[in-house]
Amino acid sequence: MNKENSTLFTLLLIAIGMTIVEVLLNSKGEFAPDSTQSLWGLISLILTIIWAVADSETNNFDKPFDFGFLMYVFWPIALPYYLCKTRGADGLILFIGFIGIWLGPWLAGLVAYTYIYAP
């Protein structure tokens, strides 16, 4: 398994774990602590950047020296730019997928809370 696939596998595995935690807590009427939410956001961002850096090496993308730092600071602009530059219009679909992985646990918890506690 190459570095890109292992990074995506790790990201998905952590996202599934976070989804389970969110659903279990929200179905009991509790919420995940803000520190856990912040840690999930940071981990998903860092793993996405690690994937992009590894992917840029296999796609022969002409990247600047500080590509990883630019991705970290300007990720809402840099990641879609990189994905569109290397994959065309399919890059936007991949970007929406990364956003879905990032927001998925929160949305699953929201659905669980709404389903159980809605009048």
PDB file of N, CA and C in Angstrom:
ATOM      1  N   MET A   1       0.862  -1.171   0.000  1.00  0.00           N
ATOM      2  CA  MET A   1       0.000   0.000   0.000  1.00  0.00           C
ATOM      3  C   MET A   1       0.910   1.236   0.000  1.00  0.00           C
ATOM      4  N   ASN A   2       0.635   2.156  -0.902  1.00  0.00           N
ATOM      5  CA  ASN A   2       1.464   3.355  -0.969  1.00  0.00           C
ATOM      6  C   ASN A   2       1.015   4.389   0.063  1.00  0.00           C
ATOM      7  N   LYS A   3       1.782   5.462   0.164  1.00  0.00           N
ATOM      8  CA  LYS A   3       1.546   6.453   1.214  1.00  0.00           C
ATOM      9  C   LYS A   3       0.198   7.154   1.052  1.00  0.00           C
ATOM     10  N   GLU A   4      -0.209   7.411  -0.181  1.00  0.00           N
ATOM     11  CA  GLU A   4      -1.498   8.082  -0.412  1.00  0.00           C
ATOM     12  C   GLU A   4      -2.657   7.230   0.092  1.00  0.00           C
ATOM     13  N   ASN A   5      -2.631   5.952  -0.280  1.00  0.00           N
ATOM     14  CA  ASN A   5      -3.725   5.065   0.123  1.00  0.00           C
ATOM     15  C   ASN A   5      -3.752   4.847   1.629  1.00  0.00           C
ATOM     16  N   SER A   6      -2.582   4.711   2.237  1.00  0.00           N
ATOM     17  CA  SER A   6      -2.563   4.501   3.682  1.00  0.00           C
ATOM     18  C   SER A   6      -3.029   5.758   4.422  1.00  0.00           C
ATOM     19  N   THR A   7      -2.724   6.924   3.893  1.00  0.00           N
ATOM     20  CA  THR A   7      -3.192   8.162   4.516  1.00  0.00           C
ATOM     21  C   THR A   7      -4.706   8.284   4.395  1.00  0.00           C
ATOM     22  N   LEU A   8      -5.257   7.989   3.228  1.00  0.00           N
ATOM     23  CA  LEU A   8      -6.710   8.024   3.066  1.00  0.00           C
ATOM     24  C   LEU A   8      -7.400   6.977   3.931  1.00  0.00           C
ATOM     25  N   PHE A   9      -6.798   5.790   4.041  1.00  0.00           N
ATOM     26  CA  PHE A   9      -7.363   4.739   4.885  1.00  0.00           C
ATOM     27  C   PHE A   9      -7.383   5.183   6.347  1.00  0.00           C
ATOM     28  N   THR A  10      -6.294   5.805   6.794  1.00  0.00           N
ATOM     29  CA  THR A  10      -6.236   6.313   8.165  1.00  0.00           C
ATOM     30  C   THR A  10      -7.274   7.401   8.383  1.00  0.00           C
ATOM     31  N   LEU A  11      -7.409   8.305   7.425  1.00  0.00           N
ATOM     32  CA  LEU A  11      -8.392   9.376   7.534  1.00  0.00           C
ATOM     33  C   LEU A  11      -9.810   8.815   7.627  1.00  0.00           C
ATOM     34  N   LEU A  12     -10.126   7.860   6.790  1.00  0.00           N
ATOM     35  CA  LEU A  12     -11.458   7.256   6.819  1.00  0.00           C
ATOM     36  C   LEU A  12     -11.702   6.463   8.103  1.00  0.00           C
ATOM     37  N   LEU A  13     -10.678   5.776   8.589  1.00  0.00           N
ATOM     38  CA  LEU A  13     -10.813   5.010   9.824  1.00  0.00           C
ATOM     39  C   LEU A  13     -11.069   5.930  11.014  1.00  0.00           C
ATOM     40  N   ILE A  14     -10.347   7.027  11.098  1.00  0.00           N
ATOM     41  CA  ILE A  14     -10.564   7.982  12.180  1.00  0.00           C
ATOM     42  C   ILE A  14     -11.928   8.657  12.027  1.00  0.00           C
ATOM     43  N   ALA A  15     -12.338   8.941  10.798  1.00  0.00           N
ATOM     44  CA  ALA A  15     -13.652   9.548  10.570  1.00  0.00           C
ATOM     45  C   ALA A  15     -14.770   8.611  11.007  1.00  0.00           C
ATOM     46  N   ILE A  16     -14.619   7.330  10.738  1.00  0.00           N
ATOM     47  CA  ILE A  16     -15.627   6.359  11.175  1.00  0.00           C
ATOM     48  C   ILE A  16     -15.671   6.290  12.695  1.00  0.00           C
ATOM     49  N   GLY A  17     -14.514   6.296  13.321  1.00  0.00           N
ATOM     50  CA  GLY A  17     -14.477   6.296  14.786  1.00  0.00           C
ATOM     51  C   GLY A  17     -15.118   7.534  15.371  1.00  0.00           C
ATOM     52  N   MET A  18     -14.823   8.683  14.794  1.00  0.00           N
ATOM     53  CA  MET A  18     -15.412   9.933  15.277  1.00  0.00           C
ATOM     54  C   MET A  18     -16.921   9.939  15.041  1.00  0.00           C
ATOM     55  N   THR A  19     -17.360   9.363  13.939  1.00  0.00           N
ATOM     56  CA  THR A  19     -18.796   9.268  13.660  1.00  0.00           C
ATOM     57  C   THR A  19     -19.496   8.421  14.711  1.00  0.00           C
ATOM     58  N   ILE A  20     -18.880   7.310  15.069  1.00  0.00           N
ATOM     59  CA  ILE A  20     -19.474   6.444  16.095  1.00  0.00           C
ATOM     60  C   ILE A  20     -19.569   7.177  17.425  1.00  0.00           C
ATOM     61  N   VAL A  21     -18.512   7.894  17.787  1.00  0.00           N
ATOM     62  CA  VAL A  21     -18.522   8.654  19.052  1.00  0.00           C
ATOM     63  C   VAL A  21     -19.607   9.724  19.018  1.00  0.00           C
ATOM     64  N   GLU A  22     -19.706  10.455  17.920  1.00  0.00           N
ATOM     65  CA  GLU A  22     -20.720  11.513  17.806  1.00  0.00           C
ATOM     66  C   GLU A  22     -22.130  10.943  17.911  1.00  0.00           C
ATOM     67  N   VAL A  23     -22.391   9.849  17.205  1.00  0.00           N
ATOM     68  CA  VAL A  23     -23.736   9.272  17.213  1.00  0.00           C
ATOM     69  C   VAL A  23     -24.080   8.743  18.598  1.00  0.00           C
ATOM     70  N   LEU A  24     -23.152   8.054  19.238  1.00  0.00           N
ATOM     71  CA  LEU A  24     -23.430   7.512  20.571  1.00  0.00           C
ATOM     72  C   LEU A  24     -23.657   8.623  21.591  1.00  0.00           C
ATOM     73  N   LEU A  25     -22.820   9.645  21.567  1.00  0.00           N
ATOM     74  CA  LEU A  25     -22.998  10.747  22.521  1.00  0.00           C
ATOM     75  C   LEU A  25     -24.285  11.518  22.249  1.00  0.00           C
ATOM     76  N   ASN A  26     -24.527  11.862  21.003  1.00  0.00           N
ATOM     77  CA  ASN A  26     -25.707  12.660  20.675  1.00  0.00           C
ATOM     78  C   ASN A  26     -27.005  11.884  20.862  1.00  0.00           C
ATOM     79  N   SER A  27     -26.966  10.567  20.738  1.00  0.00           N
ATOM     80  CA  SER A  27     -28.181   9.800  20.979  1.00  0.00           C
ATOM     81  C   SER A  27     -28.519   9.736  22.471  1.00  0.00           C
ATOM     82  N   LYS A  28     -27.529  10.035  23.330  1.00  0.00           N
ATOM     83  CA  LYS A  28     -27.773  10.116  24.777  1.00  0.00           C
ATOM     84  C   LYS A  28     -28.068  11.544  25.221  1.00  0.00           C
ATOM     85  N   GLY A  29     -28.049  12.479  24.286  1.00  0.00           N
ATOM     86  CA  GLY A  29     -28.309  13.872  24.624  1.00  0.00           C
ATOM     87  C   GLY A  29     -27.067  14.623  25.062  1.00  0.00           C
ATOM     88  N   GLU A  30     -25.905  14.013  24.922  1.00  0.00           N
ATOM     89  CA  GLU A  30     -24.645  14.661  25.274  1.00  0.00           C
ATOM     90  C   GLU A  30     -23.935  15.082  23.996  1.00  0.00           C
ATOM     91  N   PHE A  31     -22.913  15.900  24.163  1.00  0.00           N
ATOM     92  CA  PHE A  31     -22.176  16.387  23.012  1.00  0.00           C
ATOM     93  C   PHE A  31     -20.684  16.128  23.220  1.00  0.00           C
ATOM     94  N   ALA A  32     -19.990  15.930  22.122  1.00  0.00           N
ATOM     95  CA  ALA A  32     -18.540  15.751  22.197  1.00  0.00           C
ATOM     96  C   ALA A  32     -17.915  17.067  22.657  1.00  0.00           C
ATOM     97  N   PRO A  33     -16.893  16.994  23.485  1.00  0.00           N
ATOM     98  CA  PRO A  33     -16.246  18.231  23.948  1.00  0.00           C
ATOM     99  C   PRO A  33     -15.656  19.027  22.791  1.00  0.00           C
ATOM    100  N   ASP A  34     -15.549  20.329  22.999  1.00  0.00           N
ATOM    101  CA  ASP A  34     -14.986  21.192  21.962  1.00  0.00           C
ATOM    102  C   ASP A  34     -13.552  20.814  21.631  1.00  0.00           C
ATOM    103  N   SER A  35     -12.813  20.342  22.635  1.00  0.00           N
ATOM    104  CA  SER A  35     -11.425  19.946  22.373  1.00  0.00           C
ATOM    105  C   SER A  35     -11.373  18.735  21.439  1.00  0.00           C
ATOM    106  N   THR A  36     -12.320  17.827  21.571  1.00  0.00           N
ATOM    107  CA  THR A  36     -12.379  16.672  20.677  1.00  0.00           C
ATOM    108  C   THR A  36     -12.736  17.107  19.263  1.00  0.00           C
ATOM    109  N   GLN A  37     -13.679  18.019  19.143  1.00  0.00           N
ATOM    110  CA  GLN A  37     -14.056  18.542  17.827  1.00  0.00           C
ATOM    111  C   GLN A  37     -12.874  19.250  17.162  1.00  0.00           C
ATOM    112  N   SER A  38     -12.154  20.046  17.945  1.00  0.00           N
ATOM    113  CA  SER A  38     -10.994  20.761  17.402  1.00  0.00           C
ATOM    114  C   SER A  38      -9.894  19.792  16.989  1.00  0.00           C
ATOM    115  N   LEU A  39      -9.667  18.768  17.805  1.00  0.00           N
ATOM    116  CA  LEU A  39      -8.649  17.776  17.478  1.00  0.00           C
ATOM    117  C   LEU A  39      -9.019  17.022  16.210  1.00  0.00           C
ATOM    118  N   TRP A  40     -10.297  16.688  16.046  1.00  0.00           N
ATOM    119  CA  TRP A  40     -10.732  16.012  14.825  1.00  0.00           C
ATOM    120  C   TRP A  40     -10.496  16.902  13.602  1.00  0.00           C
ATOM    121  N   GLY A  41     -10.834  18.183  13.715  1.00  0.00           N
ATOM    122  CA  GLY A  41     -10.604  19.094  12.596  1.00  0.00           C
ATOM    123  C   GLY A  41      -9.136  19.203  12.239  1.00  0.00           C
ATOM    124  N   LEU A  42      -8.272  19.280  13.244  1.00  0.00           N
ATOM    125  CA  LEU A  42      -6.834  19.389  12.995  1.00  0.00           C
ATOM    126  C   LEU A  42      -6.285  18.106  12.388  1.00  0.00           C
ATOM    127  N   ILE A  43      -6.687  16.964  12.922  1.00  0.00           N
ATOM    128  CA  ILE A  43      -6.196  15.687  12.394  1.00  0.00           C
ATOM    129  C   ILE A  43      -6.649  15.482  10.956  1.00  0.00           C
ATOM    130  N   SER A  44      -7.903  15.786  10.664  1.00  0.00           N
ATOM    131  CA  SER A  44      -8.383  15.600   9.290  1.00  0.00           C
ATOM    132  C   SER A  44      -7.674  16.545   8.329  1.00  0.00           C
ATOM    133  N   LEU A  45      -7.409  17.767   8.774  1.00  0.00           N
ATOM    134  CA  LEU A  45      -6.686  18.719   7.925  1.00  0.00           C
ATOM    135  C   LEU A  45      -5.263  18.252   7.668  1.00  0.00           C
ATOM    136  N   ILE A  46      -4.569  17.807   8.704  1.00  0.00           N
ATOM    137  CA  ILE A  46      -3.186  17.369   8.545  1.00  0.00           C
ATOM    138  C   ILE A  46      -3.096  16.125   7.670  1.00  0.00           C
ATOM    139  N   LEU A  47      -4.001  15.171   7.866  1.00  0.00           N
ATOM    140  CA  LEU A  47      -3.982  13.972   7.022  1.00  0.00           C
ATOM    141  C   LEU A  47      -4.318  14.300   5.567  1.00  0.00           C
ATOM    142  N   THR A  48      -5.195  15.257   5.347  1.00  0.00           N
ATOM    143  CA  THR A  48      -5.498  15.676   3.982  1.00  0.00           C
ATOM    144  C   THR A  48      -4.280  16.325   3.328  1.00  0.00           C
ATOM    145  N   ILE A  49      -3.554  17.131   4.079  1.00  0.00           N
ATOM    146  CA  ILE A  49      -2.350  17.769   3.544  1.00  0.00           C
ATOM    147  C   ILE A  49      -1.271  16.726   3.265  1.00  0.00           C
ATOM    148  N   ILE A  50      -1.114  15.748   4.173  1.00  0.00           N
ATOM    149  CA  ILE A  50      -0.138  14.676   3.935  1.00  0.00           C
ATOM    150  C   ILE A  50      -0.504  13.919   2.667  1.00  0.00           C
ATOM    151  N   TRP A  51      -1.801  13.675   2.461  1.00  0.00           N
ATOM    152  CA  TRP A  51      -2.229  12.999   1.235  1.00  0.00           C
ATOM    153  C   TRP A  51      -1.895  13.840   0.006  1.00  0.00           C
ATOM    154  N   ALA A  52      -2.170  15.150   0.083  1.00  0.00           N
ATOM    155  CA  ALA A  52      -1.920  16.020  -1.074  1.00  0.00           C
ATOM    156  C   ALA A  52      -0.432  16.087  -1.409  1.00  0.00           C
ATOM    157  N   VAL A  53       0.419  16.145  -0.401  1.00  0.00           N
ATOM    158  CA  VAL A  53       1.861  16.188  -0.650  1.00  0.00           C
ATOM    159  C   VAL A  53       2.329  14.879  -1.276  1.00  0.00           C
ATOM    160  N   ALA A  54       1.864  13.745  -0.762  1.00  0.00           N
ATOM    161  CA  ALA A  54       2.238  12.452  -1.339  1.00  0.00           C
ATOM    162  C   ALA A  54       1.675  12.303  -2.742  1.00  0.00           C
ATOM    163  N   ASP A  55       0.462  12.796  -2.957  1.00  0.00           N
ATOM    164  CA  ASP A  55      -0.153  12.708  -4.283  1.00  0.00           C
ATOM    165  C   ASP A  55       0.569  13.601  -5.295  1.00  0.00           C
ATOM    166  N   SER A  56       1.056  14.735  -4.837  1.00  0.00           N
ATOM    167  CA  SER A  56       1.760  15.638  -5.755  1.00  0.00           C
ATOM    168  C   SER A  56       3.066  15.037  -6.239  1.00  0.00           C
ATOM    169  N   GLU A  57       3.669  14.167  -5.435  1.00  0.00           N
ATOM    170  CA  GLU A  57       4.900  13.505  -5.861  1.00  0.00           C
ATOM    171  C   GLU A  57       4.633  12.470  -6.947  1.00  0.00           C
ATOM    172  N   THR A  58       3.507  11.781  -6.879  1.00  0.00           N
ATOM    173  CA  THR A  58       3.193  10.772  -7.896  1.00  0.00           C
ATOM    174  C   THR A  58       2.630  11.390  -9.165  1.00  0.00           C
ATOM    175  N   ASN A  59       2.033  12.591  -9.066  1.00  0.00           N
ATOM    176  CA  ASN A  59       1.464  13.248 -10.247  1.00  0.00           C
ATOM    177  C   ASN A  59       2.436  14.190 -10.929  1.00  0.00           C
ATOM    178  N   ASN A  60       3.678  14.248 -10.460  1.00  0.00           N
ATOM    179  CA  ASN A  60       4.696  15.145 -11.011  1.00  0.00           C
ATOM    180  C   ASN A  60       4.205  16.584 -11.077  1.00  0.00           C
ATOM    181  N   PHE A  61       3.558  17.015 -10.017  1.00  0.00           N
ATOM    182  CA  PHE A  61       3.061  18.381  -9.908  1.00  0.00           C
ATOM    183  C   PHE A  61       4.221  19.285  -9.540  1.00  0.00           C
ATOM    184  N   ASP A  62       4.393  20.369 -10.284  1.00  0.00           N
ATOM    185  CA  ASP A  62       5.479  21.308 -10.015  1.00  0.00           C
ATOM    186  C   ASP A  62       5.087  22.161  -8.817  1.00  0.00           C
ATOM    187  N   LYS A  63       5.520  21.732  -7.650  1.00  0.00           N
ATOM    188  CA  LYS A  63       5.103  22.395  -6.419  1.00  0.00           C
ATOM    189  C   LYS A  63       6.218  23.288  -5.884  1.00  0.00           C
ATOM    190  N   PRO A  64       5.830  24.344  -5.169  1.00  0.00           N
ATOM    191  CA  PRO A  64       6.850  25.195  -4.554  1.00  0.00           C
ATOM    192  C   PRO A  64       7.489  24.488  -3.358  1.00  0.00           C
ATOM    193  N   PHE A  65       8.575  25.066  -2.853  1.00  0.00           N
ATOM    194  CA  PHE A  65       9.313  24.476  -1.735  1.00  0.00           C
ATOM    195  C   PHE A  65       8.436  24.322  -0.499  1.00  0.00           C
ATOM    196  N   ASP A  66       7.623  25.314  -0.218  1.00  0.00           N
ATOM    197  CA  ASP A  66       6.798  25.307   0.991  1.00  0.00           C
ATOM    198  C   ASP A  66       5.351  24.901   0.690  1.00  0.00           C
ATOM    199  N   PHE A  67       5.182  23.886  -0.134  1.00  0.00           N
ATOM    200  CA  PHE A  67       3.861  23.436  -0.562  1.00  0.00           C
ATOM    201  C   PHE A  67       3.000  22.988   0.627  1.00  0.00           C
ATOM    202  N   GLY A  68       3.579  22.220   1.545  1.00  0.00           N
ATOM    203  CA  GLY A  68       2.824  21.747   2.698  1.00  0.00           C
ATOM    204  C   GLY A  68       2.355  22.890   3.584  1.00  0.00           C
ATOM    205  N   PHE A  69       3.223  23.888   3.806  1.00  0.00           N
ATOM    206  CA  PHE A  69       2.835  25.033   4.624  1.00  0.00           C
ATOM    207  C   PHE A  69       1.737  25.841   3.946  1.00  0.00           C
ATOM    208  N   LEU A  70       1.855  26.039   2.642  1.00  0.00           N
ATOM    209  CA  LEU A  70       0.820  26.774   1.909  1.00  0.00           C
ATOM    210  C   LEU A  70      -0.510  26.035   1.950  1.00  0.00           C
ATOM    211  N   MET A  71      -0.455  24.700   1.881  1.00  0.00           N
ATOM    212  CA  MET A  71      -1.686  23.917   1.980  1.00  0.00           C
ATOM    213  C   MET A  71      -2.303  24.067   3.358  1.00  0.00           C
ATOM    214  N   TYR A  72      -1.477  24.124   4.398  1.00  0.00           N
ATOM    215  CA  TYR A  72      -1.990  24.242   5.759  1.00  0.00           C
ATOM    216  C   TYR A  72      -2.622  25.607   5.996  1.00  0.00           C
ATOM    217  N   VAL A  73      -1.966  26.660   5.550  1.00  0.00           N
ATOM    218  CA  VAL A  73      -2.444  28.018   5.827  1.00  0.00           C
ATOM    219  C   VAL A  73      -3.620  28.393   4.921  1.00  0.00           C
ATOM    220  N   PHE A  74      -3.524  28.046   3.649  1.00  0.00           N
ATOM    221  CA  PHE A  74      -4.534  28.464   2.668  1.00  0.00           C
ATOM    222  C   PHE A  74      -5.303  27.275   2.098  1.00  0.00           C
ATOM    223  N   TRP A  75      -5.622  26.266   2.934  1.00  0.00           N
ATOM    224  CA  TRP A  75      -6.208  25.045   2.394  1.00  0.00           C
ATOM    225  C   TRP A  75      -7.533  25.254   1.673  1.00  0.00           C
ATOM    226  N   PRO A  76      -8.409  26.196   2.066  1.00  0.00           N
ATOM    227  CA  PRO A  76      -9.660  26.323   1.309  1.00  0.00           C
ATOM    228  C   PRO A  76      -9.437  26.785  -0.131  1.00  0.00           C
ATOM    229  N   ILE A  77      -8.296  27.387  -0.389  1.00  0.00           N
ATOM    230  CA  ILE A  77      -7.975  27.838  -1.744  1.00  0.00           C
ATOM    231  C   ILE A  77      -6.981  26.892  -2.402  1.00  0.00           C
ATOM    232  N   ALA A  78      -5.956  26.488  -1.652  1.00  0.00           N
ATOM    233  CA  ALA A  78      -4.866  25.700  -2.222  1.00  0.00           C
ATOM    234  C   ALA A  78      -5.287  24.276  -2.572  1.00  0.00           C
ATOM    235  N   LEU A  79      -6.088  23.643  -1.720  1.00  0.00           N
ATOM    236  CA  LEU A  79      -6.490  22.261  -2.001  1.00  0.00           C
ATOM    237  C   LEU A  79      -7.381  22.162  -3.241  1.00  0.00           C
ATOM    238  N   PRO A  80      -8.435  22.986  -3.394  1.00  0.00           N
ATOM    239  CA  PRO A  80      -9.208  22.889  -4.637  1.00  0.00           C
ATOM    240  C   PRO A  80      -8.380  23.253  -5.868  1.00  0.00           C
ATOM    241  N   TYR A  81      -7.461  24.220  -5.716  1.00  0.00           N
ATOM    242  CA  TYR A  81      -6.592  24.581  -6.847  1.00  0.00           C
ATOM    243  C   TYR A  81      -5.739  23.394  -7.255  1.00  0.00           C
ATOM    244  N   TYR A  82      -5.115  22.748  -6.272  1.00  0.00           N
ATOM    245  CA  TYR A  82      -4.279  21.589  -6.579  1.00  0.00           C
ATOM    246  C   TYR A  82      -5.099  20.472  -7.219  1.00  0.00           C
ATOM    247  N   LEU A  83      -6.272  20.186  -6.651  1.00  0.00           N
ATOM    248  CA  LEU A  83      -7.082  19.095  -7.175  1.00  0.00           C
ATOM    249  C   LEU A  83      -7.580  19.388  -8.589  1.00  0.00           C
ATOM    250  N   CYS A  84      -7.973  20.629  -8.857  1.00  0.00           N
ATOM    251  CA  CYS A  84      -8.426  20.986 -10.210  1.00  0.00           C
ATOM    252  C   CYS A  84      -7.268  20.997 -11.196  1.00  0.00           C
ATOM    253  N   LYS A  85      -6.088  21.398 -10.734  1.00  0.00           N
ATOM    254  CA  LYS A  85      -4.923  21.444 -11.614  1.00  0.00           C
ATOM    255  C   LYS A  85      -4.474  20.038 -12.009  1.00  0.00           C
ATOM    256  N   THR A  86      -4.592  19.080 -11.095  1.00  0.00           N
ATOM    257  CA  THR A  86      -4.131  17.727 -11.391  1.00  0.00           C
ATOM    258  C   THR A  86      -5.222  16.817 -11.955  1.00  0.00           C
ATOM    259  N   ARG A  87      -6.494  17.107 -11.658  1.00  0.00           N
ATOM    260  CA  ARG A  87      -7.565  16.205 -12.062  1.00  0.00           C
ATOM    261  C   ARG A  87      -8.665  16.851 -12.892  1.00  0.00           C
ATOM    262  N   GLY A  88      -8.587  18.130 -13.090  1.00  0.00           N
ATOM    263  CA  GLY A  88      -9.626  18.815 -13.844  1.00  0.00           C
ATOM    264  C   GLY A  88     -10.888  18.962 -13.013  1.00  0.00           C
ATOM    265  N   ALA A  89     -12.033  18.802 -13.649  1.00  0.00           N
ATOM    266  CA  ALA A  89     -13.313  18.970 -12.957  1.00  0.00           C
ATOM    267  C   ALA A  89     -13.550  17.884 -11.914  1.00  0.00           C
ATOM    268  N   ASP A  90     -12.944  16.722 -12.082  1.00  0.00           N
ATOM    269  CA  ASP A  90     -13.078  15.666 -11.077  1.00  0.00           C
ATOM    270  C   ASP A  90     -12.436  16.061  -9.754  1.00  0.00           C
ATOM    271  N   GLY A  91     -11.525  17.016  -9.794  1.00  0.00           N
ATOM    272  CA  GLY A  91     -10.895  17.497  -8.573  1.00  0.00           C
ATOM    273  C   GLY A  91     -11.874  18.171  -7.642  1.00  0.00           C
ATOM    274  N   LEU A  92     -12.872  18.872  -8.205  1.00  0.00           N
ATOM    275  CA  LEU A  92     -13.888  19.491  -7.353  1.00  0.00           C
ATOM    276  C   LEU A  92     -14.743  18.446  -6.639  1.00  0.00           C
ATOM    277  N   ILE A  93     -15.012  17.349  -7.319  1.00  0.00           N
ATOM    278  CA  ILE A  93     -15.768  16.259  -6.689  1.00  0.00           C
ATOM    279  C   ILE A  93     -14.938  15.647  -5.556  1.00  0.00           C
ATOM    280  N   LEU A  94     -13.642  15.503  -5.776  1.00  0.00           N
ATOM    281  CA  LEU A  94     -12.763  14.985  -4.737  1.00  0.00           C
ATOM    282  C   LEU A  94     -12.687  15.953  -3.556  1.00  0.00           C
ATOM    283  N   PHE A  95     -12.678  17.256  -3.830  1.00  0.00           N
ATOM    284  CA  PHE A  95     -12.678  18.256  -2.760  1.00  0.00           C
ATOM    285  C   PHE A  95     -13.963  18.170  -1.946  1.00  0.00           C
ATOM    286  N   ILE A  96     -15.092  17.999  -2.608  1.00  0.00           N
ATOM    287  CA  ILE A  96     -16.366  17.828  -1.899  1.00  0.00           C
ATOM    288  C   ILE A  96     -16.326  16.551  -1.056  1.00  0.00           C
ATOM    289  N   GLY A  97     -15.648  15.519  -1.548  1.00  0.00           N
ATOM    290  CA  GLY A  97     -15.481  14.295  -0.765  1.00  0.00           C
ATOM    291  C   GLY A  97     -14.673  14.531   0.502  1.00  0.00           C
ATOM    292  N   PHE A  98     -13.595  15.307   0.401  1.00  0.00           N
ATOM    293  CA  PHE A  98     -12.803  15.626   1.586  1.00  0.00           C
ATOM    294  C   PHE A  98     -13.615  16.457   2.581  1.00  0.00           C
ATOM    295  N   ILE A  99     -14.406  17.388   2.082  1.00  0.00           N
ATOM    296  CA  ILE A  99     -15.272  18.176   2.963  1.00  0.00           C
ATOM    297  C   ILE A  99     -16.312  17.264   3.618  1.00  0.00           C
ATOM    298  N   GLY A 100     -16.824  16.293   2.861  1.00  0.00           N
ATOM    299  CA  GLY A 100     -17.789  15.341   3.416  1.00  0.00           C
ATOM    300  C   GLY A 100     -17.186  14.473   4.508  1.00  0.00           C
ATOM    301  N   ILE A 101     -15.935  14.054   4.319  1.00  0.00           N
ATOM    302  CA  ILE A 101     -15.257  13.275   5.363  1.00  0.00           C
ATOM    303  C   ILE A 101     -15.069  14.130   6.606  1.00  0.00           C
ATOM    304  N   TRP A 102     -14.743  15.393   6.408  1.00  0.00           N
ATOM    305  CA  TRP A 102     -14.505  16.306   7.527  1.00  0.00           C
ATOM    306  C   TRP A 102     -15.803  16.596   8.292  1.00  0.00           C
ATOM    307  N   LEU A 103     -16.898  16.818   7.575  1.00  0.00           N
ATOM    308  CA  LEU A 103     -18.172  17.162   8.209  1.00  0.00           C
ATOM    309  C   LEU A 103     -19.049  15.953   8.541  1.00  0.00           C
ATOM    310  N   GLY A 104     -18.711  14.793   8.008  1.00  0.00           N
ATOM    311  CA  GLY A 104     -19.536  13.603   8.189  1.00  0.00           C
ATOM    312  C   GLY A 104     -19.848  13.237   9.627  1.00  0.00           C
ATOM    313  N   PRO A 105     -18.852  13.188  10.514  1.00  0.00           N
ATOM    314  CA  PRO A 105     -19.167  12.838  11.905  1.00  0.00           C
ATOM    315  C   PRO A 105     -20.121  13.826  12.564  1.00  0.00           C
ATOM    316  N   TRP A 106     -19.921  15.098  12.332  1.00  0.00           N
ATOM    317  CA  TRP A 106     -20.811  16.101  12.912  1.00  0.00           C
ATOM    318  C   TRP A 106     -22.229  15.952  12.372  1.00  0.00           C
ATOM    319  N   LEU A 107     -22.360  15.742  11.065  1.00  0.00           N
ATOM    320  CA  LEU A 107     -23.686  15.588  10.473  1.00  0.00           C
ATOM    321  C   LEU A 107     -24.373  14.317  10.965  1.00  0.00           C
ATOM    322  N   ALA A 108     -23.627  13.231  11.132  1.00  0.00           N
ATOM    323  CA  ALA A 108     -24.225  11.995  11.643  1.00  0.00           C
ATOM    324  C   ALA A 108     -24.709  12.182  13.075  1.00  0.00           C
ATOM    325  N   GLY A 109     -23.933  12.890  13.872  1.00  0.00           N
ATOM    326  CA  GLY A 109     -24.368  13.178  15.233  1.00  0.00           C
ATOM    327  C   GLY A 109     -25.588  14.068  15.266  1.00  0.00           C
ATOM    328  N   LEU A 110     -25.646  15.035  14.365  1.00  0.00           N
ATOM    329  CA  LEU A 110     -26.804  15.915  14.282  1.00  0.00           C
ATOM    330  C   LEU A 110     -28.059  15.140  13.894  1.00  0.00           C
ATOM    331  N   VAL A 111     -27.918  14.235  12.956  1.00  0.00           N
ATOM    332  CA  VAL A 111     -29.058  13.416  12.546  1.00  0.00           C
ATOM    333  C   VAL A 111     -29.511  12.530  13.704  1.00  0.00           C
ATOM    334  N   ALA A 112     -28.573  11.930  14.435  1.00  0.00           N
ATOM    335  CA  ALA A 112     -28.941  11.081  15.572  1.00  0.00           C
ATOM    336  C   ALA A 112     -29.657  11.886  16.647  1.00  0.00           C
ATOM    337  N   TYR A 113     -29.151  13.069  16.927  1.00  0.00           N
ATOM    338  CA  TYR A 113     -29.775  13.919  17.949  1.00  0.00           C
ATOM    339  C   TYR A 113     -31.169  14.353  17.510  1.00  0.00           C
ATOM    340  N   THR A 114     -31.301  14.764  16.268  1.00  0.00           N
ATOM    341  CA  THR A 114     -32.594  15.220  15.753  1.00  0.00           C
ATOM    342  C   THR A 114     -33.599  14.072  15.688  1.00  0.00           C
ATOM    343  N   TYR A 115     -33.148  12.900  15.311  1.00  0.00           N
ATOM    344  CA  TYR A 115     -34.043  11.752  15.193  1.00  0.00           C
ATOM    345  C   TYR A 115     -34.582  11.339  16.563  1.00  0.00           C
ATOM    346  N   ILE A 116     -33.753  11.385  17.580  1.00  0.00           N
ATOM    347  CA  ILE A 116     -34.174  10.925  18.903  1.00  0.00           C
ATOM    348  C   ILE A 116     -34.929  12.007  19.670  1.00  0.00           C
ATOM    349  N   TYR A 117     -34.463  13.248  19.599  1.00  0.00           N
ATOM    350  CA  TYR A 117     -35.013  14.300  20.443  1.00  0.00           C
ATOM    351  C   TYR A 117     -35.954  15.262  19.735  1.00  0.00           C
ATOM    352  N   ALA A 118     -36.263  15.027  18.476  1.00  0.00           N
ATOM    353  CA  ALA A 118     -37.201  15.914  17.762  1.00  0.00           C
ATOM    354  C   ALA A 118     -38.621  15.652  18.266  1.00  0.00           C
ATOM    355  N   PRO A 119     -39.420  16.705  18.389  1.00  0.00           N
ATOM    356  CA  PRO A 119     -40.801  16.528  18.865  1.00  0.00           C
ATOM    357  C   PRO A 119     -41.673  15.827  17.851  1.00  0.00           C
TER     358      PRO A 119
END
